[in-house]
Amino acid sequence: MSWSPLGRPSMPLFAAAALAAALAGGPWAADATGHAGHAGDGGARGTAREDTVLRQAPARDSTALATVDHGRRVTVLCAAEGARHSAWYLVHTDHYAWAPAHGITINGPPPDRC
């Protein structure tokens, strides 16, 4: 877990804030199938390029929550820059979690930034 200069966890708070925005409505709302994404389009669709570990925050040293199998479809809610300038997607499968961008192929237009 990463810590801010104030001694508070920074990445988990970022992940929690992004998740709260996805669940609260506004521009990010659940579609008719229950998948969260951009209102009106259900979020970007993606496919796992390889077995991809989903994490609690956009960082390789963050807690692993689940693994998405190669070929599994995911809903990509938004894109963010993580630790060490890495690219990450906030995704929804059975979990809301962060996936490294290199592990997900976007099918269609790219997702908005978080």
Protein backbone atom coordinates (compact mmCIF):
# COMPACT_ATOMS: atom_id res chain seq x y z
CA MET A 1 0.00 0.00 0.00
CA SER A 2 1.24 3.48 -0.77
CA TRP A 3 1.11 6.25 1.78
CA SER A 4 0.68 9.97 1.22
CA PRO A 5 2.99 12.50 2.90
CA LEU A 6 0.21 13.01 5.46
CA GLY A 7 0.52 9.41 6.61
CA ARG A 8 -2.72 8.29 5.00
CA PRO A 9 -3.15 5.55 2.41
CA SER A 10 -3.33 7.21 -1.01
CA MET A 11 -3.94 4.49 -3.62
CA PRO A 12 -6.73 2.70 -1.72
CA LEU A 13 -8.48 6.04 -1.22
CA PHE A 14 -8.15 6.75 -4.94
CA ALA A 15 -9.58 3.31 -5.75
CA ALA A 16 -12.41 3.80 -3.25
CA ALA A 17 -13.23 7.23 -4.67
CA ALA A 18 -13.34 5.88 -8.23
CA LEU A 19 -15.53 2.98 -7.13
CA ALA A 20 -17.85 5.30 -5.21
CA ALA A 21 -18.20 7.50 -8.30
CA ALA A 22 -19.00 4.44 -10.41
CA LEU A 23 -21.68 3.28 -7.98
CA ALA A 24 -23.19 6.68 -7.14
CA GLY A 25 -24.63 7.55 -10.53
CA GLY A 26 -23.89 10.85 -12.20
CA PRO A 27 -21.93 10.23 -15.37
CA TRP A 28 -21.08 6.72 -14.11
CA ALA A 29 -24.19 4.64 -13.56
CA ALA A 30 -25.20 1.01 -13.74
CA ASP A 31 -26.75 -0.10 -17.02
CA ALA A 32 -29.74 -2.44 -17.37
CA THR A 33 -27.51 -5.51 -16.93
CA GLY A 34 -26.10 -4.18 -13.66
CA HIS A 35 -22.69 -3.34 -15.12
CA ALA A 36 -21.37 0.05 -14.13
CA GLY A 37 -19.98 2.29 -16.82
CA HIS A 38 -20.54 5.57 -18.59
CA ALA A 39 -24.25 6.40 -18.57
CA GLY A 40 -25.84 5.42 -21.85
CA ASP A 41 -23.11 3.11 -23.11
CA GLY A 42 -22.34 0.74 -20.20
CA GLY A 43 -18.61 1.53 -20.24
CA ALA A 44 -15.97 0.38 -22.68
CA ARG A 45 -15.85 -3.32 -23.42
CA GLY A 46 -12.59 -5.17 -23.08
CA THR A 47 -11.15 -8.67 -23.25
CA ALA A 48 -8.33 -10.10 -21.14
CA ARG A 49 -5.24 -10.65 -23.33
CA GLU A 50 -3.82 -13.07 -20.80
CA ASP A 51 -4.64 -14.26 -17.31
CA THR A 52 -4.70 -10.85 -15.60
CA VAL A 53 -4.55 -10.15 -11.87
CA LEU A 54 -7.13 -7.64 -10.63
CA ARG A 55 -5.88 -5.43 -7.81
CA GLN A 56 -7.23 -3.21 -5.06
CA ALA A 57 -5.36 -0.14 -6.35
CA PRO A 58 -3.53 0.77 -9.58
CA ALA A 59 -0.13 -0.56 -8.48
CA ARG A 60 1.65 -3.93 -8.89
CA ASP A 61 2.29 -4.15 -5.16
CA SER A 62 -1.39 -3.62 -4.33
CA THR A 63 -3.45 -6.49 -2.90
CA ALA A 64 -4.57 -9.03 -5.53
CA LEU A 65 -8.35 -9.51 -5.45
CA ALA A 66 -9.01 -11.94 -8.32
CA THR A 67 -7.71 -13.17 -11.66
CA VAL A 68 -9.47 -12.67 -14.99
CA ASP A 69 -8.89 -15.61 -17.34
CA HIS A 70 -7.56 -15.11 -20.87
CA GLY A 71 -10.43 -14.22 -23.22
CA ARG A 72 -12.86 -13.15 -20.47
CA ARG A 73 -14.86 -10.04 -21.25
CA VAL A 74 -14.76 -7.13 -18.81
CA THR A 75 -16.41 -3.72 -18.58
CA VAL A 76 -13.79 -0.96 -18.46
CA LEU A 77 -15.10 1.99 -16.46
CA CYS A 78 -12.16 4.36 -16.88
CA ALA A 79 -8.40 4.63 -17.36
CA ALA A 80 -5.87 6.01 -14.87
CA GLU A 81 -2.16 6.41 -14.36
CA GLY A 82 -0.89 4.28 -11.52
CA ALA A 83 2.34 3.91 -9.64
CA ARG A 84 5.51 4.56 -11.64
CA HIS A 85 3.49 6.03 -14.55
CA SER A 86 1.86 2.69 -15.39
CA ALA A 87 -1.50 2.58 -17.19
CA TRP A 88 -4.45 0.92 -15.44
CA TYR A 89 -8.15 0.35 -16.06
CA LEU A 90 -10.88 0.32 -13.42
CA VAL A 91 -12.85 -2.75 -14.50
CA HIS A 92 -15.96 -4.63 -13.49
CA THR A 93 -16.36 -8.40 -13.78
CA ASP A 94 -17.59 -10.08 -10.62
CA HIS A 95 -15.54 -7.44 -8.77
CA TYR A 96 -14.71 -3.75 -9.15
CA ALA A 97 -10.94 -3.70 -9.34
CA TRP A 98 -7.90 -2.36 -11.20
CA ALA A 99 -6.33 -4.21 -14.13
CA PRO A 100 -3.03 -3.29 -15.80
CA ALA A 101 -3.82 -1.82 -19.24
CA HIS A 102 -1.33 -4.16 -20.95
CA GLY A 103 -3.51 -7.12 -19.88
CA ILE A 104 -6.77 -5.83 -21.43
CA THR A 105 -7.65 -5.29 -25.10
CA ILE A 106 -10.26 -2.55 -25.56
CA ASN A 107 -12.99 -3.44 -28.07
CA GLY A 108 -14.15 -0.10 -29.44
CA PRO A 109 -13.40 3.46 -28.34
CA PRO A 110 -10.95 3.93 -25.45
CA PRO A 111 -12.37 4.54 -21.97
CA ASP A 112 -12.46 8.00 -20.42
CA ARG A 113 -9.89 8.97 -17.81
CA CYS A 114 -10.91 8.47 -14.18
